[in-house]
C-alpha atoms as a PDB file:
ATOM      1  CA  UNK A   1     -57.603  13.916 162.965  1.00  0.00           C
ATOM      2  CA  UNK A   2     -59.839  10.846 163.159  1.00  0.00           C
ATOM      3  CA  UNK A   3     -59.978   9.023 166.483  1.00  0.00           C
ATOM      4  CA  UNK A   4     -58.285   5.887 165.153  1.00  0.00           C
ATOM      5  CA  UNK A   5     -55.501   7.894 163.507  1.00  0.00           C
ATOM      6  CA  UNK A   6     -54.884   9.680 166.818  1.00  0.00           C
ATOM      7  CA  UNK A   7     -54.711   6.427 168.743  1.00  0.00           C
ATOM      8  CA  UNK A   8     -52.293   4.948 166.222  1.00  0.00           C
ATOM      9  CA  UNK A   9     -50.035   8.022 166.250  1.00  0.00           C
ATOM     10  CA  UNK A  10     -49.882   8.242 170.040  1.00  0.00           C
ATOM     11  CA  UNK A  11     -49.261   4.612 170.941  1.00  0.00           C
ATOM     12  CA  UNK A  12     -46.972   3.715 168.038  1.00  0.00           C
ATOM     13  CA  UNK A  13     -44.999   0.541 168.648  1.00  0.00           C
ATOM     14  CA  UNK A  14     -47.393  -0.577 171.372  1.00  0.00           C
ATOM     15  CA  UNK A  15     -50.229  -0.669 168.854  1.00  0.00           C
ATOM     16  CA  UNK A  16     -48.062  -2.547 166.355  1.00  0.00           C
ATOM     17  CA  UNK A  17     -47.287  -5.141 169.024  1.00  0.00           C
ATOM     18  CA  UNK A  18     -50.943  -5.445 169.951  1.00  0.00           C
ATOM     19  CA  UNK A  19     -51.908  -6.006 166.308  1.00  0.00           C
ATOM     20  CA  UNK A  20     -49.207  -8.642 165.946  1.00  0.00           C
ATOM     21  CA  UNK A  21     -50.573 -10.342 169.062  1.00  0.00           C
ATOM     22  CA  UNK A  22     -54.068 -10.363 167.566  1.00  0.00           C
ATOM     23  CA  UNK A  23     -53.253 -11.621 164.096  1.00  0.00           C
ATOM     24  CA  UNK A  24     -49.715 -12.956 164.377  1.00  0.00           C
ATOM     25  CA  UNK A  25     -46.540 -11.155 163.292  1.00  0.00           C
ATOM     26  CA  UNK A  26     -46.376 -12.854 159.885  1.00  0.00           C
ATOM     27  CA  UNK A  27     -49.981 -11.956 159.057  1.00  0.00           C
ATOM     28  CA  UNK A  28     -49.517  -8.393 160.292  1.00  0.00           C
ATOM     29  CA  UNK A  29     -46.408  -7.960 158.145  1.00  0.00           C
ATOM     30  CA  UNK A  30     -48.062  -9.496 155.076  1.00  0.00           C
ATOM     31  CA  UNK A  31     -51.201  -7.391 155.545  1.00  0.00           C
ATOM     32  CA  UNK A  32     -49.167  -4.198 155.838  1.00  0.00           C
ATOM     33  CA  UNK A  33     -47.074  -5.078 152.800  1.00  0.00           C
ATOM     34  CA  UNK A  34     -50.143  -5.802 150.670  1.00  0.00           C
ATOM     35  CA  UNK A  35     -51.901  -2.684 151.939  1.00  0.00           C
ATOM     36  CA  UNK A  36     -49.037  -0.539 150.690  1.00  0.00           C
ATOM     37  CA  UNK A  37     -48.631  -2.461 147.470  1.00  0.00           C
ATOM     38  CA  UNK A  38     -51.146  -0.581 145.381  1.00  0.00           C
ATOM     39  CA  UNK A  39     -49.850   2.001 142.904  1.00  0.00           C
ATOM     40  CA  UNK A  40     -52.931   4.199 143.034  1.00  0.00           C
ATOM     41  CA  UNK A  41     -55.159   5.090 145.974  1.00  0.00           C
ATOM     42  CA  UNK A  42     -58.444   3.173 145.990  1.00  0.00           C
ATOM     43  CA  UNK A  43     -61.161   5.812 146.419  1.00  0.00           C
ATOM     44  CA  UNK A  44     -64.301   4.493 148.097  1.00  0.00           C
ATOM     45  CA  UNK A  45     -67.522   6.468 148.449  1.00  0.00           C
ATOM     46  CA  UNK A  46     -70.402   5.354 150.678  1.00  0.00           C
ATOM     47  CA  UNK A  47     -73.734   6.765 149.573  1.00  0.00           C
ATOM     48  CA  UNK A  48     -75.986   8.175 152.307  1.00  0.00           C
ATOM     49  CA  UNK A  49     -79.555   9.443 152.421  1.00  0.00           C
ATOM     50  CA  UNK A  50     -82.229  10.040 155.041  1.00  0.00           C
ATOM     51  CA  UNK A  51     -83.348   6.683 156.438  1.00  0.00           C
ATOM     52  CA  UNK A  52     -80.133   4.844 155.556  1.00  0.00           C
ATOM     53  CA  UNK A  53     -79.448   1.924 157.888  1.00  0.00           C
ATOM     54  CA  UNK A  54     -76.716   2.682 160.432  1.00  0.00           C
ATOM     55  CA  UNK A  55     -75.017  -0.718 160.243  1.00  0.00           C
ATOM     56  CA  UNK A  56     -75.303  -0.959 156.443  1.00  0.00           C
ATOM     57  CA  UNK A  57     -73.323   2.228 156.026  1.00  0.00           C
ATOM     58  CA  UNK A  58     -70.967   2.189 159.011  1.00  0.00           C
ATOM     59  CA  UNK A  59     -69.893  -1.483 158.976  1.00  0.00           C
ATOM     60  CA  UNK A  60     -68.051  -1.424 155.625  1.00  0.00           C
ATOM     61  CA  UNK A  61     -66.496   1.928 156.519  1.00  0.00           C
ATOM     62  CA  UNK A  62     -65.183   0.461 159.782  1.00  0.00           C
ATOM     63  CA  UNK A  63     -63.653  -2.506 157.963  1.00  0.00           C
ATOM     64  CA  UNK A  64     -61.979  -0.375 155.311  1.00  0.00           C
ATOM     65  CA  UNK A  65     -60.720   2.239 157.760  1.00  0.00           C
ATOM     66  CA  UNK A  66     -59.109  -0.410 159.966  1.00  0.00           C
ATOM     67  CA  UNK A  67     -57.201  -1.627 156.911  1.00  0.00           C
ATOM     68  CA  UNK A  68     -56.145   1.940 156.122  1.00  0.00           C
ATOM     69  CA  UNK A  69     -54.984   2.898 159.594  1.00  0.00           C
ATOM     70  CA  UNK A  70     -53.524  -0.300 161.001  1.00  0.00           C
ATOM     71  CA  UNK A  71     -52.135  -1.838 157.803  1.00  0.00           C
ATOM     72  CA  UNK A  72     -51.447   1.317 155.776  1.00  0.00           C
ATOM     73  CA  UNK A  73     -53.874   0.279 153.037  1.00  0.00           C
ATOM     74  CA  UNK A  74     -53.704   2.779 150.196  1.00  0.00           C
ATOM     75  CA  UNK A  75     -57.376   3.742 150.248  1.00  0.00           C
ATOM     76  CA  UNK A  76     -59.740   6.533 151.251  1.00  0.00           C
ATOM     77  CA  UNK A  77     -63.325   6.280 152.497  1.00  0.00           C
ATOM     78  CA  UNK A  78     -65.807   9.145 152.201  1.00  0.00           C
ATOM     79  CA  UNK A  79     -69.513   9.441 152.874  1.00  0.00           C
ATOM     80  CA  UNK A  80     -71.382  11.260 150.114  1.00  0.00           C
ATOM     81  CA  UNK A  81     -74.919  12.389 149.310  1.00  0.00           C
ATOM     82  CA  UNK A  82     -76.529  13.053 145.937  1.00  0.00           C
ATOM     83  CA  UNK A  83     -78.092  16.164 147.457  1.00  0.00           C
ATOM     84  CA  UNK A  84     -76.257  19.111 148.966  1.00  0.00           C
ATOM     85  CA  UNK A  85     -73.879  18.174 151.829  1.00  0.00           C
ATOM     86  CA  UNK A  86     -75.909  18.189 155.021  1.00  0.00           C
ATOM     87  CA  UNK A  87     -76.853  16.335 158.188  1.00  0.00           C
ATOM     88  CA  UNK A  88     -78.408  12.947 157.372  1.00  0.00           C
ATOM     89  CA  UNK A  89     -80.959  11.402 159.748  1.00  0.00           C
ATOM     90  CA  UNK A  90     -80.349   7.666 159.701  1.00  0.00           C
ATOM     91  CA  UNK A  91     -82.882   4.860 160.091  1.00  0.00           C
ATOM     92  CA  UNK A  92     -82.822   4.751 163.889  1.00  0.00           C
ATOM     93  CA  UNK A  93     -82.412   8.459 164.413  1.00  0.00           C
ATOM     94  CA  UNK A  94     -78.631   8.842 164.509  1.00  0.00           C
ATOM     95  CA  UNK A  95     -77.324  11.981 162.817  1.00  0.00           C
ATOM     96  CA  UNK A  96     -74.420  11.986 160.382  1.00  0.00           C
ATOM     97  CA  UNK A  97     -72.710  15.069 158.993  1.00  0.00           C
ATOM     98  CA  UNK A  98     -72.036  14.357 155.307  1.00  0.00           C
ATOM     99  CA  UNK A  99     -69.543  16.870 153.970  1.00  0.00           C
ATOM    100  CA  UNK A 100     -69.111  15.655 150.399  1.00  0.00           C
ATOM    101  CA  UNK A 101     -71.462  15.607 147.451  1.00  0.00           C
ATOM    102  CA  UNK A 102     -71.783  12.739 145.001  1.00  0.00           C
ATOM    103  CA  UNK A 103     -69.176  12.796 142.247  1.00  0.00           C
ATOM    104  CA  UNK A 104     -68.635   9.332 140.728  1.00  0.00           C
ATOM    105  CA  UNK A 105     -65.645  10.606 138.751  1.00  0.00           C
ATOM    106  CA  UNK A 106     -63.761  10.731 142.058  1.00  0.00           C
ATOM    107  CA  UNK A 107     -64.641   7.172 143.117  1.00  0.00           C
ATOM    108  CA  UNK A 108     -63.312   3.742 142.214  1.00  0.00           C
ATOM    109  CA  UNK A 109     -65.885   1.964 144.392  1.00  0.00           C
ATOM    110  CA  UNK A 110     -69.359   3.190 145.344  1.00  0.00           C
ATOM    111  CA  UNK A 111     -71.062   1.392 148.237  1.00  0.00           C
ATOM    112  CA  UNK A 112     -74.864   1.647 148.354  1.00  0.00           C
ATOM    113  CA  UNK A 113     -76.357   0.832 151.787  1.00  0.00           C
ATOM    114  CA  UNK A 114     -80.020   0.063 152.348  1.00  0.00           C
ATOM    115  CA  UNK A 115     -82.402   1.138 155.085  1.00  0.00           C
ATOM    116  CA  UNK A 116     -86.000   1.799 156.034  1.00  0.00           C
ATOM    117  CA  UNK A 117     -87.456  -0.891 153.766  1.00  0.00           C
ATOM    118  CA  UNK A 118     -90.796  -1.613 155.403  1.00  0.00           C
ATOM    119  CA  UNK A 119     -92.543   1.767 155.165  1.00  0.00           C
ATOM    120  CA  UNK A 120     -92.405   3.284 151.662  1.00  0.00           C
ATOM    121  CA  UNK A 121     -93.777   6.587 152.978  1.00  0.00           C
ATOM    122  CA  UNK A 122     -90.937   7.045 155.495  1.00  0.00           C
ATOM    123  CA  UNK A 123     -87.376   8.057 154.600  1.00  0.00           C
ATOM    124  CA  UNK A 124     -85.394   5.080 153.367  1.00  0.00           C
ATOM    125  CA  UNK A 125     -84.759   2.824 150.406  1.00  0.00           C
ATOM    126  CA  UNK A 126     -88.280   2.544 149.015  1.00  0.00           C
ATOM    127  CA  UNK A 127     -88.825   6.270 149.430  1.00  0.00           C
ATOM    128  CA  UNK A 128     -85.619   6.941 147.472  1.00  0.00           C
ATOM    129  CA  UNK A 129     -86.652   4.474 144.764  1.00  0.00           C
ATOM    130  CA  UNK A 130     -89.915   6.377 144.346  1.00  0.00           C
ATOM    131  CA  UNK A 131     -88.112   9.736 144.397  1.00  0.00           C
ATOM    132  CA  UNK A 132     -85.877   8.497 141.607  1.00  0.00           C
ATOM    133  CA  UNK A 133     -82.848  10.723 142.189  1.00  0.00           C
ATOM    134  CA  UNK A 134     -80.507   8.025 143.494  1.00  0.00           C
ATOM    135  CA  UNK A 135     -81.478   5.394 140.879  1.00  0.00           C
ATOM    136  CA  UNK A 136     -80.829   7.922 138.087  1.00  0.00           C
ATOM    137  CA  UNK A 137     -77.479   8.860 139.626  1.00  0.00           C
ATOM    138  CA  UNK A 138     -76.486   5.189 139.929  1.00  0.00           C
ATOM    139  CA  UNK A 139     -77.491   4.487 136.334  1.00  0.00           C
ATOM    140  CA  UNK A 140     -75.283   7.361 135.155  1.00  0.00           C
ATOM    141  CA  UNK A 141     -72.373   6.158 137.325  1.00  0.00           C
ATOM    142  CA  UNK A 142     -72.507   2.586 135.989  1.00  0.00           C
ATOM    143  CA  UNK A 143     -70.247   3.223 133.008  1.00  0.00           C
ATOM    144  CA  UNK A 144     -67.827   0.367 133.678  1.00  0.00           C
ATOM    145  CA  UNK A 145     -65.153   2.597 135.209  1.00  0.00           C
ATOM    146  CA  UNK A 146     -65.927   1.758 138.833  1.00  0.00           C
ATOM    147  CA  UNK A 147     -67.342  -0.971 141.044  1.00  0.00           C
ATOM    148  CA  UNK A 148     -70.796  -0.422 142.502  1.00  0.00           C
ATOM    149  CA  UNK A 149     -71.507  -2.489 145.615  1.00  0.00           C
ATOM    150  CA  UNK A 150     -74.803  -2.897 147.450  1.00  0.00           C
ATOM    151  CA  UNK A 151     -75.398  -3.790 151.095  1.00  0.00           C
ATOM    152  CA  UNK A 152     -78.724  -5.367 152.067  1.00  0.00           C
ATOM    153  CA  UNK A 153     -81.631  -3.584 150.306  1.00  0.00           C
ATOM    154  CA  UNK A 154     -79.175  -1.088 148.888  1.00  0.00           C
ATOM    155  CA  UNK A 155     -79.202  -3.664 146.086  1.00  0.00           C
ATOM    156  CA  UNK A 156     -82.799  -2.642 145.411  1.00  0.00           C
ATOM    157  CA  UNK A 157     -81.690   0.926 144.687  1.00  0.00           C
ATOM    158  CA  UNK A 158     -79.254  -0.614 142.219  1.00  0.00           C
ATOM    159  CA  UNK A 159     -82.068  -2.734 140.794  1.00  0.00           C
ATOM    160  CA  UNK A 160     -84.228   0.369 140.343  1.00  0.00           C
ATOM    161  CA  UNK A 161     -81.333   1.810 138.329  1.00  0.00           C
ATOM    162  CA  UNK A 162     -81.311  -1.280 136.099  1.00  0.00           C
ATOM    163  CA  UNK A 163     -77.875  -2.385 137.310  1.00  0.00           C
ATOM    164  CA  UNK A 164     -78.810  -5.893 138.483  1.00  0.00           C
ATOM    165  CA  UNK A 165     -80.950  -6.899 135.501  1.00  0.00           C
ATOM    166  CA  UNK A 166     -79.712 -10.201 134.024  1.00  0.00           C
ATOM    167  CA  UNK A 167     -76.771 -10.207 136.431  1.00  0.00           C
ATOM    168  CA  UNK A 168     -75.918 -12.400 139.443  1.00  0.00           C
ATOM    169  CA  UNK A 169     -76.846 -10.623 142.685  1.00  0.00           C
ATOM    170  CA  UNK A 170     -78.335 -10.889 146.150  1.00  0.00           C
ATOM    171  CA  UNK A 171     -80.039  -8.736 148.798  1.00  0.00           C
ATOM    172  CA  UNK A 172     -81.824  -9.057 152.140  1.00  0.00           C
ATOM    173  CA  UNK A 173     -83.994 -12.225 152.180  1.00  0.00           C
ATOM    174  CA  UNK A 174     -87.183 -10.156 152.470  1.00  0.00           C
ATOM    175  CA  UNK A 175     -86.469  -8.445 149.143  1.00  0.00           C
ATOM    176  CA  UNK A 176     -85.162 -11.413 147.141  1.00  0.00           C
ATOM    177  CA  UNK A 177     -88.469 -12.049 145.391  1.00  0.00           C
ATOM    178  CA  UNK A 178     -88.672  -8.447 144.217  1.00  0.00           C
ATOM    179  CA  UNK A 179     -85.042  -8.479 143.089  1.00  0.00           C
ATOM    180  CA  UNK A 180     -85.733 -11.566 140.963  1.00  0.00           C
ATOM    181  CA  UNK A 181     -88.958 -10.050 139.587  1.00  0.00           C
ATOM    182  CA  UNK A 182     -86.935  -7.035 138.439  1.00  0.00           C
ATOM    183  CA  UNK A 183     -84.573  -9.257 136.481  1.00  0.00           C
ATOM    184  CA  UNK A 184     -81.801 -10.107 138.941  1.00  0.00           C
ATOM    185  CA  UNK A 185     -80.229 -13.570 138.768  1.00  0.00           C
ATOM    186  CA  UNK A 186     -80.288 -14.630 142.416  1.00  0.00           C
ATOM    187  CA  UNK A 187     -77.314 -16.403 143.960  1.00  0.00           C
ATOM    188  CA  UNK A 188     -77.638 -17.930 147.465  1.00  0.00           C
ATOM    189  CA  UNK A 189     -74.414 -16.440 148.770  1.00  0.00           C
ATOM    190  CA  UNK A 190     -73.465 -13.923 151.435  1.00  0.00           C
ATOM    191  CA  UNK A 191     -71.572 -11.815 148.885  1.00  0.00           C
ATOM    192  CA  UNK A 192     -72.023 -11.983 145.108  1.00  0.00           C
ATOM    193  CA  UNK A 193     -69.264 -10.574 142.912  1.00  0.00           C
ATOM    194  CA  UNK A 194     -70.036 -10.075 139.241  1.00  0.00           C
ATOM    195  CA  UNK A 195     -66.892  -8.117 138.395  1.00  0.00           C
ATOM    196  CA  UNK A 196     -67.883  -4.434 138.647  1.00  0.00           C
ATOM    197  CA  UNK A 197     -71.171  -5.245 140.415  1.00  0.00           C
ATOM    198  CA  UNK A 198     -70.993  -6.588 143.971  1.00  0.00           C
ATOM    199  CA  UNK A 199     -73.964  -7.235 146.251  1.00  0.00           C
ATOM    200  CA  UNK A 200     -74.292  -8.516 149.811  1.00  0.00           C
ATOM    201  CA  UNK A 201     -77.152 -10.033 151.816  1.00  0.00           C
ATOM    202  CA  UNK A 202     -78.651  -8.828 155.093  1.00  0.00           C
ATOM    203  CA  UNK A 203     -77.557  -6.011 157.375  1.00  0.00           C
ATOM    204  CA  UNK A 204     -74.383  -7.468 158.907  1.00  0.00           C
ATOM    205  CA  UNK A 205     -73.132  -8.671 155.510  1.00  0.00           C
ATOM    206  CA  UNK A 206     -71.702  -5.165 155.092  1.00  0.00           C
ATOM    207  CA  UNK A 207     -68.764  -6.358 157.217  1.00  0.00           C
ATOM    208  CA  UNK A 208     -68.171  -9.270 154.853  1.00  0.00           C
ATOM    209  CA  UNK A 209     -68.558  -6.997 151.844  1.00  0.00           C
ATOM    210  CA  UNK A 210     -65.836  -4.704 153.198  1.00  0.00           C
ATOM    211  CA  UNK A 211     -63.510  -7.637 153.801  1.00  0.00           C
ATOM    212  CA  UNK A 212     -64.182  -9.019 150.323  1.00  0.00           C
ATOM    213  CA  UNK A 213     -63.373  -5.661 148.744  1.00  0.00           C
ATOM    214  CA  UNK A 214     -60.048  -5.684 150.594  1.00  0.00           C
ATOM    215  CA  UNK A 215     -59.306  -9.182 149.322  1.00  0.00           C
ATOM    216  CA  UNK A 216     -60.375  -8.321 145.788  1.00  0.00           C
ATOM    217  CA  UNK A 217     -58.603  -4.976 145.497  1.00  0.00           C
ATOM    218  CA  UNK A 218     -55.531  -5.728 147.633  1.00  0.00           C
ATOM    219  CA  UNK A 219     -54.925  -9.267 148.876  1.00  0.00           C
ATOM    220  CA  UNK A 220     -56.220 -12.083 151.104  1.00  0.00           C
ATOM    221  CA  UNK A 221     -53.491 -11.158 153.606  1.00  0.00           C
ATOM    222  CA  UNK A 222     -54.942  -7.692 154.117  1.00  0.00           C
ATOM    223  CA  UNK A 223     -58.454  -9.105 154.501  1.00  0.00           C
ATOM    224  CA  UNK A 224     -57.303 -11.711 157.019  1.00  0.00           C
ATOM    225  CA  UNK A 225     -55.331  -9.151 159.013  1.00  0.00           C
ATOM    226  CA  UNK A 226     -58.290  -6.777 159.150  1.00  0.00           C
ATOM    227  CA  UNK A 227     -60.587  -9.637 160.084  1.00  0.00           C
ATOM    228  CA  UNK A 228     -58.313 -10.407 163.024  1.00  0.00           C
ATOM    229  CA  UNK A 229     -58.364  -6.820 164.313  1.00  0.00           C
ATOM    230  CA  UNK A 230     -62.162  -6.820 164.017  1.00  0.00           C
ATOM    231  CA  UNK A 231     -62.356 -10.180 165.821  1.00  0.00           C
ATOM    232  CA  UNK A 232     -64.834 -11.188 163.142  1.00  0.00           C
ATOM    233  CA  UNK A 233     -65.024 -14.431 161.193  1.00  0.00           C
ATOM    234  CA  UNK A 234     -66.493 -14.129 157.723  1.00  0.00           C
ATOM    235  CA  UNK A 235     -69.662 -16.102 157.076  1.00  0.00           C
ATOM    236  CA  UNK A 236     -70.894 -17.909 154.013  1.00  0.00           C
ATOM    237  CA  UNK A 237     -69.433 -18.056 150.535  1.00  0.00           C
ATOM    238  CA  UNK A 238     -68.423 -15.321 148.131  1.00  0.00           C
ATOM    239  CA  UNK A 239     -69.956 -16.209 144.774  1.00  0.00           C
ATOM    240  CA  UNK A 240     -67.587 -14.888 142.147  1.00  0.00           C
ATOM    241  CA  UNK A 241     -68.081 -14.726 138.383  1.00  0.00           C
ATOM    242  CA  UNK A 242     -65.364 -16.428 136.363  1.00  0.00           C
END
């Protein structure tokens, strides 16, 4: 059992009262109602690889899992790798056991974190672009049946796959020029939503991306409730295609 599930199961009504105190009883009730109001489970996969940025990958998972546990959001979050399941060494040396292999057919949303941008010879985003395995996998997955979302320079892996060409997008400020040179239509927003393609700016924008996905796939009430539990206020504007 995950730590947060255990805490929720053991403290019960006390936790519910604490959440209501954080976000208000009306917001808590509305968030829970909207979290349960989805007919089919939203399956979210977060792509990992050696050199992936810790915050890029963990922040959206934290947001989404809070919605699942505290507001009964009908979603699952799994870390995956395009290689065999294994222990991933992240950008700052943290280890992550990734138990599931990439299978886009089992995902409704694929989140692509960035990491390790500055040294193309070290594990990270540029290394994976040169290796080519992840860009090819992303290109194959972009068949219109699922949303692909990039955090920070994870958008550059999507660009290498051809996903951002001639489409509104964003990335970390240090990679914006390259993203535009590769055909992306830059939008000066924290999160850019072009229907089944969503991109977010720098490292901490992964929190805002997670909250936007909750709003988009469930409701503003669920996003606001989760935001209150996180004690986080969303920054900037979500640019959304009409």
